[in-house]
Structures are given as C-alpha cells and as structure tokens.
Protein backbone atom coordinates (compact mmCIF):
# COMPACT_ATOMS: atom_id res chain seq x y z
CA VAL A 1 103.86 94.65 126.45
CA GLN A 2 105.94 92.56 129.15
CA ILE A 3 109.39 93.74 128.06
CA ASP A 4 109.77 97.49 126.12
CA ILE A 5 112.31 97.33 123.26
CA SER A 6 112.67 100.67 123.19
CA LYS A 7 114.33 100.78 125.83
CA ALA A 8 118.16 99.87 126.72
CA GLN A 9 118.24 96.52 128.21
CA ASN A 10 120.16 96.15 131.11
CA LYS A 11 120.05 92.72 131.35
CA LYS A 12 118.28 89.25 128.94
CA THR A 13 115.51 87.71 130.31
CA LEU A 14 116.25 84.65 132.04
CA VAL A 15 113.96 81.62 130.40
CA ALA A 16 113.60 78.05 131.99
CA PHE A 17 112.37 75.93 128.66
CA PRO A 18 111.21 72.38 129.89
CA PRO A 19 111.77 69.74 126.94
CA LEU A 20 108.94 69.51 125.31
CA GLN A 21 106.19 66.30 126.25
CA PHE A 22 104.87 63.90 123.56
CA SER A 23 101.74 64.00 124.01
CA GLY A 24 100.75 61.16 121.07
CA ASN A 25 101.29 58.00 120.38
CA ALA A 26 104.90 56.72 121.17
CA SER A 27 104.18 53.26 119.37
CA ALA A 28 103.56 54.54 116.11
CA ASN A 29 105.78 56.94 115.91
CA LYS A 30 109.05 56.39 116.50
CA ASN A 31 110.37 59.59 115.41
CA PHE A 32 108.97 61.36 117.94
CA HIS A 33 111.94 62.07 119.76
CA ALA A 34 113.89 63.94 116.87
CA GLN A 35 110.96 65.79 115.72
CA GLY A 36 111.02 66.70 119.32
CA ALA A 37 114.14 68.25 119.18
CA GLU A 38 114.07 69.75 116.50
CA ILE A 39 111.39 71.68 117.58
CA TYR A 40 112.81 72.83 120.74
CA ARG A 41 116.26 73.50 119.36
CA VAL A 42 114.57 75.97 116.34
CA ILE A 43 112.52 77.66 119.40
CA THR A 44 115.32 78.43 121.24
CA ASN A 45 117.75 79.55 118.04
CA ASP A 46 115.30 82.27 117.07
CA LEU A 47 114.58 83.35 120.91
CA SER A 48 118.26 83.14 121.10
CA ILE A 49 119.25 85.65 118.38
CA ALA A 50 116.44 88.13 119.28
CA GLY A 51 118.41 89.05 121.91
CA PHE A 52 116.25 90.04 124.96
CA PHE A 53 116.49 85.94 126.28
CA GLN A 54 118.63 84.30 127.95
CA PHE A 55 117.74 80.39 129.03
CA MET A 56 118.38 79.04 131.91
CA SER A 57 119.88 75.81 132.34
CA GLN A 58 117.78 72.84 132.86
CA SER A 59 120.58 71.10 135.14
CA ALA A 60 119.18 74.10 137.85
CA PHE A 61 115.20 72.84 137.29
CA LEU A 62 113.66 71.79 140.62
CA GLU A 63 110.87 70.21 139.13
CA ASP A 64 111.12 67.02 137.16
CA THR A 65 108.86 68.21 134.32
CA SER A 66 108.26 65.06 132.49
CA LYS A 67 105.72 64.36 135.77
CA LEU A 68 104.31 67.16 136.03
CA ALA A 69 101.28 68.81 133.67
CA LEU A 70 101.67 71.85 131.61
CA LYS A 71 99.56 73.76 133.79
CA PRO A 72 100.13 75.26 137.40
CA MET A 73 98.08 74.57 140.71
CA PRO A 74 95.61 74.28 141.28
CA VAL A 75 94.61 74.79 138.05
CA GLU A 76 96.03 70.68 137.10
CA SER A 77 96.11 69.35 140.07
CA ASN A 78 99.36 67.57 139.31
CA GLY A 79 100.32 71.10 138.11
CA PHE A 80 104.20 73.19 138.38
CA LYS A 81 104.02 75.16 141.64
CA PHE A 82 105.08 78.49 140.39
CA ASP A 83 107.46 78.86 143.78
CA SER A 84 110.24 76.45 142.33
CA TRP A 85 111.09 79.27 139.58
CA LYS A 86 111.15 81.78 141.28
CA GLN A 87 113.27 80.65 143.59
CA ILE A 88 115.77 79.53 140.74
CA GLY A 89 115.26 82.82 139.50
CA ALA A 90 113.46 82.38 136.66
CA ASP A 91 111.46 85.32 134.90
CA TYR A 92 109.55 83.47 132.56
CA LEU A 93 108.15 79.88 132.11
CA ILE A 94 107.52 77.71 128.99
CA ARG A 95 105.58 74.47 129.19
CA GLY A 96 104.35 73.06 126.06
CA ALA A 97 104.15 69.29 123.87
CA PHE A 98 103.74 68.21 120.60
CA SER A 99 102.57 65.66 118.79
CA THR A 100 103.04 63.96 115.57
CA GLY A 101 101.27 61.68 113.59
CA ALA A 102 99.10 61.18 109.75
CA ASP A 103 96.88 63.68 110.61
CA GLY A 104 100.23 66.26 111.86
CA VAL A 105 102.16 68.02 113.69
CA THR A 106 99.87 69.71 117.00
CA LEU A 107 102.36 71.89 118.93
CA GLU A 108 100.44 72.93 122.71
CA ILE A 109 102.32 76.50 124.16
CA TYR A 110 101.83 78.32 127.79
CA ALA A 111 104.18 80.97 128.62
CA TYR A 112 104.09 81.81 132.91
CA SER A 113 105.54 84.90 133.94
CA VAL A 114 107.37 83.75 136.82
CA SER A 115 106.97 86.57 139.17
CA LYS A 116 103.36 87.58 138.13
CA ALA A 117 102.22 84.00 138.40
CA ASN A 118 99.75 84.24 135.56
CA LEU A 119 99.66 83.33 132.08
CA VAL A 120 101.19 85.60 129.32
CA PHE A 121 101.11 83.81 126.01
CA GLY A 122 99.40 80.09 125.77
CA LYS A 123 98.37 78.69 121.47
CA LYS A 124 97.24 75.95 119.98
CA TYR A 125 99.50 75.17 116.63
CA LYS A 126 98.36 72.33 113.99
CA ALA A 127 99.90 72.13 110.16
CA PRO A 128 101.13 68.94 108.41
CA VAL A 129 104.02 67.52 109.51
CA SER A 130 106.66 68.40 106.87
CA ALA A 131 106.11 72.07 108.69
CA LEU A 132 107.10 70.67 111.27
CA ARG A 133 109.95 73.69 111.19
CA ARG A 134 107.44 76.32 109.69
CA VAL A 135 105.09 75.61 113.04
CA ALA A 136 108.27 76.44 115.31
CA HIS A 137 109.92 79.64 113.71
CA THR A 138 105.69 80.89 114.10
CA LEU A 139 105.59 80.05 117.62
CA SER A 140 108.66 82.10 118.52
CA ASN A 141 107.16 85.00 115.77
CA ASP A 142 104.57 85.01 118.08
CA PHE A 143 105.92 84.72 121.94
CA LEU A 144 108.54 87.58 120.78
CA GLU A 145 105.13 89.73 120.02
CA ALA A 146 103.29 88.51 122.75
CA LEU A 147 106.49 89.72 125.04
CA THR A 148 107.61 93.03 123.08
CA GLY A 149 104.58 93.79 120.92
CA GLN A 150 107.14 93.37 117.71
CA LYS A 151 107.18 90.23 115.80
CA GLY A 152 110.02 88.66 114.92
CA VAL A 153 112.31 88.01 111.27
CA PHE A 154 111.52 84.30 111.84
CA LEU A 155 109.56 83.37 109.06
CA SER A 156 111.63 85.38 106.86
CA LYS A 157 113.86 83.46 104.39
CA VAL A 158 117.36 84.00 102.54
CA THR A 159 118.37 84.45 98.74
CA ALA A 160 122.07 84.05 97.94
CA ALA A 161 124.46 83.04 95.07
CA SER A 162 126.54 80.12 96.47
CA ASP A 163 129.01 77.55 94.12
CA ARG A 164 127.19 74.35 96.38
CA GLY A 165 126.95 72.63 92.82
CA GLY A 166 130.56 72.92 91.97
CA SER A 167 133.70 75.56 92.82
CA LYS A 168 133.07 77.08 88.16
CA ILE A 169 129.34 76.98 88.95
CA LYS A 170 127.51 79.44 90.74
CA GLU A 171 123.75 79.39 91.18
CA ILE A 172 120.97 80.66 93.48
CA TYR A 173 119.34 79.56 96.50
CA VAL A 174 117.00 80.27 99.36
CA MET A 175 116.82 78.89 102.52
CA ASP A 176 115.25 79.83 106.17
CA TRP A 177 116.81 82.85 108.17
CA ASP A 178 118.63 80.41 109.82
CA GLY A 179 120.43 78.46 107.61
CA ASP A 180 118.23 75.36 106.81
CA ASN A 181 115.88 74.17 104.30
CA VAL A 182 118.25 75.30 101.27
CA GLU A 183 116.39 75.22 98.24
CA LYS A 184 117.89 76.06 94.35
CA ILE A 185 116.02 77.96 92.55
CA THR A 186 118.31 78.10 89.46
CA SER A 187 119.82 75.71 86.78
CA HIS A 188 122.07 77.34 84.56
CA LYS A 189 124.95 76.01 85.20
CA SER A 190 127.08 78.92 84.31
CA VAL A 191 128.29 82.01 87.03
CA THR A 192 124.89 83.51 88.36
CA LEU A 193 124.25 86.38 90.95
CA SER A 194 123.27 89.34 92.70
CA PRO A 195 119.67 87.56 93.89
CA ALA A 196 116.94 90.29 95.05
CA TRP A 197 113.76 89.68 96.27
CA SER A 198 110.67 91.80 95.59
CA PRO A 199 108.59 93.46 99.03
CA ASP A 200 105.91 90.77 99.51
CA GLY A 201 108.38 87.55 99.07
CA THR A 202 107.19 86.19 96.23
CA LYS A 203 109.70 86.59 93.46
CA VAL A 204 113.22 86.90 93.28
CA ALA A 205 115.16 88.63 90.79
CA TYR A 206 118.94 87.75 89.39
CA THR A 207 122.06 87.37 86.92
CA ALA A 208 123.20 84.54 84.97
CA PHE A 209 125.59 84.18 82.19
CA VAL A 210 123.46 82.62 79.74
CA GLN A 211 124.86 81.81 76.44
CA ARG A 212 123.79 83.38 73.55
CA ALA A 213 122.49 80.84 70.36
CA LYS A 214 124.05 82.52 67.55
CA THR A 215 127.22 84.07 69.00
CA LYS A 216 127.51 80.82 71.77
CA THR A 217 128.97 83.65 73.90
CA ARG A 218 127.68 84.62 77.09
CA ASN A 219 125.66 87.84 78.58
CA ALA A 220 124.54 89.20 81.73
CA ASP A 221 120.94 88.78 81.58
CA MET A 222 118.49 89.78 84.00
CA PHE A 223 116.13 87.38 85.30
CA ILE A 224 113.05 87.33 87.61
CA TYR A 225 111.89 83.80 89.12
CA GLU A 226 108.38 83.10 91.24
CA LEU A 227 108.65 80.98 93.87
CA LEU A 228 104.91 79.57 94.17
CA THR A 229 104.78 78.71 90.92
CA GLY A 230 108.75 77.80 89.36
CA LYS A 231 107.88 80.76 86.54
CA ARG A 232 110.57 81.91 85.45
CA TRP A 233 111.05 84.91 82.83
CA LEU A 234 113.61 86.85 81.13
CA VAL A 235 114.01 90.40 82.40
CA SER A 236 116.45 92.54 80.45
CA TYR A 237 118.96 91.03 77.45
CA ARG A 238 120.77 93.90 76.38
CA GLN A 239 124.36 93.23 75.66
CA GLY A 240 126.82 93.86 77.97
CA ILE A 241 125.64 94.19 82.00
CA ASN A 242 121.99 93.43 83.31
CA SER A 243 122.88 93.36 86.77
CA GLY A 244 121.98 94.62 90.37
CA ALA A 245 118.26 94.79 90.54
CA THR A 246 116.30 96.02 93.01
CA PHE A 247 112.58 96.37 93.19
CA SER A 248 110.27 99.26 94.56
CA PRO A 249 108.52 99.46 98.03
CA ASP A 250 105.45 98.77 95.40
CA GLY A 251 106.82 95.75 93.77
CA LYS A 252 106.41 96.66 90.42
CA SER A 253 109.32 97.73 88.77
CA ILE A 254 112.64 96.76 89.21
CA PHE A 255 115.95 99.60 88.72
CA LEU A 256 119.12 98.12 87.99
CA THR A 257 121.86 98.82 85.80
CA ILE A 258 122.69 98.09 82.30
CA SER A 259 125.73 98.86 79.91
CA GLN A 260 124.84 98.78 76.88
CA GLU A 261 125.70 102.69 76.12
CA GLY A 262 129.06 101.78 77.07
CA SER A 263 129.45 103.31 80.97
CA PRO A 264 127.17 101.31 83.63
CA ASP A 265 124.08 103.66 83.84
CA ILE A 266 121.28 103.00 86.43
CA TYR A 267 117.30 102.22 84.66
CA LYS A 268 114.45 101.52 86.16
CA MET A 269 112.36 98.63 84.46
CA ASP A 270 109.18 97.75 84.57
CA LEU A 271 108.88 93.97 85.52
CA ASP A 272 107.80 92.67 82.20
CA GLY A 273 111.16 93.80 80.87
CA THR A 274 109.98 97.34 79.34
CA LEU A 275 113.15 99.31 79.91
CA GLY A 276 111.23 102.26 82.12
CA LYS A 277 113.81 105.87 82.42
CA LYS A 278 117.32 106.08 82.84
CA ILE A 279 118.04 106.79 86.32
CA THR A 280 121.74 108.25 86.38
CA ASN A 281 124.21 109.24 82.82
CA GLY A 282 127.29 109.83 83.75
CA PRO A 283 129.71 111.15 84.16
CA ARG A 284 131.31 110.22 81.24
CA GLY A 285 133.34 107.35 81.40
CA ALA A 286 131.48 106.53 85.47
CA MET A 287 130.73 103.62 86.56
CA ASN A 288 127.14 103.59 88.79
CA VAL A 289 125.84 100.58 90.57
CA GLU A 290 123.75 98.57 92.86
CA PRO A 291 121.07 100.69 93.56
CA ALA A 292 119.35 100.68 96.37
CA VAL A 293 115.49 101.86 96.58
CA SER A 294 114.65 103.96 99.81
CA PRO A 295 111.99 101.93 101.72
CA ASP A 296 109.55 104.89 101.01
CA GLY A 297 110.70 104.88 97.46
CA LYS A 298 111.80 108.46 97.21
CA LYS A 299 115.65 107.99 97.15
CA ILE A 300 118.07 105.22 96.16
CA ALA A 301 121.33 104.31 97.25
CA PHE A 302 124.14 103.77 94.70
CA SER A 303 127.95 103.17 94.55
CA SER A 304 129.77 105.13 91.90
CA ASP A 305 133.35 105.94 90.90
CA ARG A 306 132.50 109.19 89.67
CA SER A 307 134.68 111.15 92.05
CA GLY A 308 137.33 108.63 90.79
CA ASN A 309 137.11 105.41 93.39
CA PRO A 310 133.84 103.92 94.00
CA MET A 311 131.96 105.55 96.96
CA ILE A 312 128.19 105.84 98.30
CA TYR A 313 125.78 108.74 96.39
CA VAL A 314 122.57 108.63 97.49
CA MET A 315 120.30 109.98 94.85
CA ASP A 316 116.45 111.54 94.43
CA ILE A 317 114.46 107.99 93.00
CA ASP A 318 114.58 110.00 89.16
CA GLY A 319 118.40 110.70 89.76
CA SER A 320 117.90 114.07 90.54
CA ASN A 321 120.60 115.55 93.74
CA PRO A 322 122.76 113.14 93.62
CA VAL A 323 125.10 113.79 96.86
CA ARG A 324 128.01 112.11 98.17
CA MET A 325 127.75 110.37 101.17
CA THR A 326 131.35 108.67 101.75
CA PHE A 327 134.92 110.33 102.07
CA ALA A 328 137.06 108.19 103.52
CA GLY A 329 138.74 104.66 102.24
CA LYS A 330 139.91 103.60 98.80
CA TYR A 331 136.66 101.25 97.96
CA ASN A 332 132.92 101.95 99.06
CA ALA A 333 130.09 99.48 97.83
CA THR A 334 126.80 97.39 98.66
CA PRO A 335 124.89 99.53 99.74
CA ALA A 336 121.90 98.84 101.84
CA TRP A 337 118.93 100.71 103.32
CA SER A 338 117.45 99.81 107.57
CA PRO A 339 113.81 99.49 107.24
CA ASP A 340 113.10 103.15 108.48
CA GLY A 341 115.42 105.04 105.91
CA LYS A 342 117.30 106.10 108.62
CA LYS A 343 120.66 104.27 107.90
CA LEU A 344 122.84 103.04 105.55
CA ALA A 345 125.45 100.05 105.74
CA PHE A 346 128.06 99.42 103.10
CA SER A 347 131.26 97.71 102.85
CA GLY A 348 134.15 99.94 102.59
CA TRP A 349 137.65 99.42 101.92
CA SER A 350 140.22 99.93 104.81
CA ASP A 351 143.67 98.02 104.91
CA ASP A 352 143.55 96.03 102.25
CA HIS A 353 140.36 94.66 103.07
CA PHE A 354 136.64 94.65 103.53
CA ASP A 355 134.73 95.60 106.91
CA ILE A 356 130.98 96.64 106.75
CA PHE A 357 130.18 100.00 108.39
CA THR A 358 126.69 101.79 108.91
CA MET A 359 126.04 105.60 108.74
CA ASN A 360 123.15 107.66 109.06
CA VAL A 361 121.87 108.28 105.43
CA ASP A 362 123.55 112.55 106.10
CA GLY A 363 126.45 110.75 106.56
CA SER A 364 127.40 111.05 109.80
CA GLN A 365 127.87 108.26 113.19
CA MET A 366 129.64 106.29 110.60
CA LEU A 367 130.64 102.68 113.01
CA ARG A 368 132.85 99.90 112.01
CA ILE A 369 130.92 96.66 112.09
CA THR A 370 132.89 93.99 111.40
CA SER A 371 136.66 92.75 112.82
CA ALA A 372 138.10 89.49 112.16
CA LYS A 373 140.93 87.92 111.19
CA LYS A 374 141.41 84.45 108.97
CA PRO A 375 143.26 81.29 110.70
CA ASN A 376 146.56 82.62 108.88
CA GLY A 377 146.52 85.95 110.95
CA LYS A 378 144.76 87.77 107.94
CA TRP A 379 142.49 89.99 107.35
CA ALA A 380 139.08 88.43 106.47
CA GLN A 381 136.71 89.90 103.83
CA ASN A 382 133.51 90.86 104.95
CA GLU A 383 130.83 92.23 102.49
CA ASP A 384 127.46 92.54 101.47
CA PRO A 385 125.28 93.97 104.21
CA VAL A 386 121.88 93.74 104.58
CA PHE A 387 119.57 94.74 106.99
CA SER A 388 116.32 92.47 109.01
CA ALA A 389 112.67 93.25 107.97
CA ASP A 390 112.67 94.48 112.30
CA GLY A 391 115.81 96.05 111.42
CA ARG A 392 117.26 95.26 114.60
CA MET A 393 119.87 93.27 112.65
CA LEU A 394 122.52 92.92 109.85
CA MET A 395 123.39 90.02 107.78
CA TYR A 396 126.58 90.04 105.59
CA THR A 397 129.60 86.83 103.88
CA SER A 398 133.10 86.75 105.70
CA ASN A 399 135.41 84.38 104.68
CA ARG A 400 137.53 84.51 107.92
CA THR A 401 136.97 80.72 107.85
CA GLY A 402 138.18 80.04 104.66
CA VAL A 403 135.27 80.20 102.00
CA ASN A 404 132.11 82.33 102.26
CA GLN A 405 129.94 82.47 104.66
CA ILE A 406 126.80 84.09 105.89
CA TYR A 407 126.80 85.97 109.37
CA ILE A 408 124.39 88.07 111.28
CA SER A 409 125.01 90.49 114.24
CA ASN A 410 123.50 93.39 116.08
CA LEU A 411 123.89 96.57 114.58
CA ASP A 412 126.69 97.59 116.91
CA GLY A 413 128.32 93.91 115.48
CA SER A 414 128.27 92.49 118.68
CA ASP A 415 126.48 88.73 119.28
CA GLU A 416 127.67 88.23 115.96
CA ARG A 417 126.47 84.55 114.87
CA ARG A 418 127.27 81.89 111.68
CA ILE A 419 124.21 80.71 109.50
CA THR A 420 125.85 78.48 106.93
CA THR A 421 128.11 76.56 108.31
CA ASP A 422 129.37 74.26 105.64
CA SER A 423 132.30 74.48 103.35
CA HIS A 424 130.43 76.24 100.30
CA ASN A 425 130.39 79.85 99.43
CA TYR A 426 127.81 82.45 99.37
CA TYR A 427 127.46 85.43 98.06
CA LYS A 428 125.46 88.72 98.47
CA PRO A 429 122.99 86.93 100.63
CA LYS A 430 119.42 89.29 100.58
CA TRP A 431 116.85 88.87 103.71
CA SER A 432 113.25 88.55 103.22
CA LYS A 433 110.67 89.82 105.35
CA ASN A 434 108.38 87.55 107.04
CA ILE A 435 106.75 85.51 104.51
CA GLU A 436 103.59 83.81 105.77
C-alpha cells in the first residue's frame, strides 16, 4: 500500500500520465486516435474522482514520451529517465500503450513510484473493442487498489428514472457510474419510478403505473427486471401503491410499501411475489414509506408522518422498536445507509427547499451536504441521496441547472461534480456495487 486512506491527506498525490502510445497497425485502424483518447479520458476521470490524485499538466513534462519505451533506462535502451520526472515533482508516473483491431483491444500499463524509481503496478488487459470503456474502468480500479489497498467503484452502475423519452413519460435507465453508456430497460410508456438494485447488481426492482385490462385504470405495480437475461416479472400488483422497493442483503426478498389496506405500510415480500410479514402497522392513518435495509440486514430506516410531519425513523428488521431519528425541518425523506452501517443520508426540507444531510445512526452529528441556487437566484432542490459502495461519496439529484441532474460529492460536500450533462430529468438514482 502506497497511500494510507485511513489518514487525512494534506495534499493530493501528483501523477504524470503521458498520452497512451498506439502499438497496433495505424493503417488498419483509422479510429485509433479517438479510441486512445477515450481510454485516457475514462482513466483520468476515474482517478480524479477518487480524490487522492492530481494529474500534472503535460506541458511540464521534460521528456517526449512518444519517442520512449514504456520502461525506464537501463531496462530499455530508449527508456525514460526517472530524474526527468523527479525534477518536475511527480510522485508517480503512468506509462501505457494500446492496440485495437479485429482481435479486440489490448491495453498495457505500468505505474512507477518516481521517488523510489521502481514499478508499483503493471498489467496487460485484453477485451473486445466494445468493452473499451470497461477495460479503462477496470484498470482504474486495479491501480487504485494497488496504491491504497481499496478497490474503486469504477465498475459500478447507476439506475434512475428519467423523462428522456418525453416529458410525460418516465422510464428506468441504467448507465455507467460516470453517466455514459445509458440504456433504457423499461418500455411501459407510462410513469415508471423508484428503481432499486439487487445486492449482486443483476436485478432492478421498480414501480410502473400500468393499465389494468379490465378497468382501463392505471395502478402503481412493482416489477423486477433481470439485466443479464432480459426477464421481467410482476411482483406486486395489489390495488393502490406498490412502491419503494429495497432488497434484503442476501437478495432473496424485498421490502416495499403497499397501501392495500388504506394507509401505506411496509411489507416484506419474496421475489416471486409471495407476501410475507407486515413490518409496520400504522399508527392509524400514518404513512410509512421508503424503506432502506441496513447493510447487516438487522435494521430498516424509513420515512413516516406518524409524528405529524414526515421524519426519518429506524426500526428492527421485524418492525419492532421504531425510533425517531430526525426532529428538525418540516419534511425528511429518502433515507440511505452508508456501507458500514454507521451513517444515514436523507433529503430534508429547510428554508423552502430540499438539501442533502448526513448523520450518525443515533441522530448525532448532522451535517448539511448541499447548498446550491438556480441561475434565477432561487434555492435548488437537492434530493434522493445514496452512498457509493466504498462509502466515500454521495450521489443525489439537483435541479440547480433548471432540470433534475445527477451529482456526486465527498461526504462533506466537497469536490462536487455533475454526472449527467443533458437537458433531461433524473429521479431517485441508485448506485450499485462493482459489477464484475
């Protein structure tokens, strides 16, 4: 381990990363410039988000790496010189080459500690050209793990509802964590909401307002979609609300809100639709929604208006011992657990707008994460938080640009970045673990 992530970093590690060399047949591949640029862009974006690295300007480089081997002198007679990189203050040097062709893409990468003049990471990747971005994300994960001992989240996915197909229609989409490779996985041509990942990243549960054949009315029904097979099945279609699914940590069941008895309450259900235990039971007329199961499977955080205004509560997995966690504000919603189970994030209504907050699971040390205004000077709505799988970042939506876009930040709100960069709206994003 080169970088101890358990300790505060006074400054970011300086990384020199010259352009990738093309080692294939240039005359046989007219697109290699764009392919190399895409690999490079993905890697630098991934590692910049990690928060430990700062990439040095290529204008500061003393060597023309396009004319040098990937390995140093004297290993290679035309290799680079470590002294050239020490002089400009680089902590690490990444050298790489790639080739693409009919047999796929090959990426060869070496990372060197400049101060120690030794190799800290070296690997060769080979995959179909269609997996070019995946190769780059895999490299970023491996590089981060080699230097910190902890793998990144760069093979993770995001699922969200969006109006990309038309303002009155919302469907469920899946994309890479950085907003690329967007794929629509539903075609209900209706309002489709609240997706949720299974723990292994192979399934997405969601709610769609589908039309009943007999009555011609639409009902909020719960579906599960399997990404690898394209199989989709109806899980819960009780009259009324069937929404807000969250999977149990073992992936064998879901918890959701059903309103078949009048007031919305939380139930446990098998993946085949078999209705299990009713987890909440009022109080009479109370709304109990947005369940979120803790990582150890022992607790459920949820939103309820049983005290008057919607607040965040935590109860045992069987519904016993409900404890109110938030007391401030008029409306607190969409709780999400940190991967270590020590923190909760939620959206809270304050000063006529929603912001993202975090707190310890006992309700202490509440921290406001977001604070943004629209171009017209009005406060933006920041909602629907979710933690990254490594627990180091938060993802949420914000309408600060005029439309609801997806953003990420560190846990203290710093280094905030926009993930989606279009004119559509996105709702209730969920961030998966790495999908290998």
